[in-house]
C-alpha cells in the first residue's frame, strides 16, 4: 500500500488487514527497521533522501563488473593465516568468494551471504556473530551481534555501505546495520572500505566509519563525466586515505583492467608518506594530486596478474 500510494495511515492499514492499530504500529516499526518504510505520526511513508535503501535483489544487479574488480584488489590485501572481519553487502559477498582460496584464514562476519560463500572452503574458518536476522540484506544485527564482537581483535575489517564522503566517511541508511558495522570497526587494527564510484559523494543517514578511521579505500575508476566522484576521491586522499582504484573494463575476464583509452588502476598511500600497496610502492603529498609514481617498478603487479596467481 505504501509503494502504491506513497503514504498510508495506521487507521487505514488496521482497517484493511482487520487488526488493531497497536498491532499495525508494531509491524510498521519492524518494517522501518528493515529499511522498507519510514514511520510518520499516525502512519508511514516510503523511505526517501537520507533513509532510502535498496534491498538485496536490487543491489545485486548494480555495478556488477565494478564490484568484481574491487573484490579482486581487496582479496590481494589478505594474507595466509590472517584473522579478519567482513561486513554485510553485495561487494563484500564478492570478496568472500575470493577469500575461499586463502589458506588458514579466519573470517568473522555478520553476513549470511559472506558465510555462504565460504561455507565449502575447507581451509577457512568462519565465525558468525549472533543477533537478529535482517532479511533485506541477510545480515545479523542488534545487541546480540554487537555483544558477540566485544573483546575481539583482528588485523583488518572489510566494510561496505550506502555512501562515502570525505566529510563524514562511510555511512548507511539503517540504524541497526550502522551499529553492527561500528562494532566491527572497533575489532580491527585497519579498516578497508569497499565502495564503487556510485557511492562516492553520497551521504546517508547513519555514519559507520569516520574518514580518519578509514585506512584504505578500494574503488573503481569513475567515468570521465563523474566530477563528483573524482572530487571526492581527491578529498579522501588529501585526508590520508590510501586509495586503490581498480579498472572494470575487462568485465572480470583477467585482461586489461581499465576501459580502452582509459586510465589504469592507481594505488595511493597516506599523503606525505610512503606505503606499499598491490602494484608496488607509491607516494603522494599533502594537498597534491592523485599520483601513481612507481618507486619500485620491478615489483609492479597489475590486477590481472593478481587474478592469474
Foldseek 3Di string as FASTA:
>chain_A
DQVVPQKDFLVVVCVVVVHDSVVSVVVVVVCVLLLQWADDVRIIGGDDDQQHDAFPVVQLPPPVLFLLQLLLQVLVVDAAQFEEEEEFDNSSLSNLLSVLPRANYEYEYQAPSSCVSNVPSPRYHYHYFAADANPRGRGHWDPRRLVSLPPAAGAEYEYEEQAAALQFGGFHNHPRSLSNLLSSLVRHPAYEYEDELVRYQGHHDGGRAGLLRHAEYEYEDDPPPCVRSQVRVFSSLLSFYWYWYWASCVSNPLDQRHNVVDDHIATEGRAPDWDDGAQAIDYHHRPDGRDRDHPCNVRGDGSSNSVVD
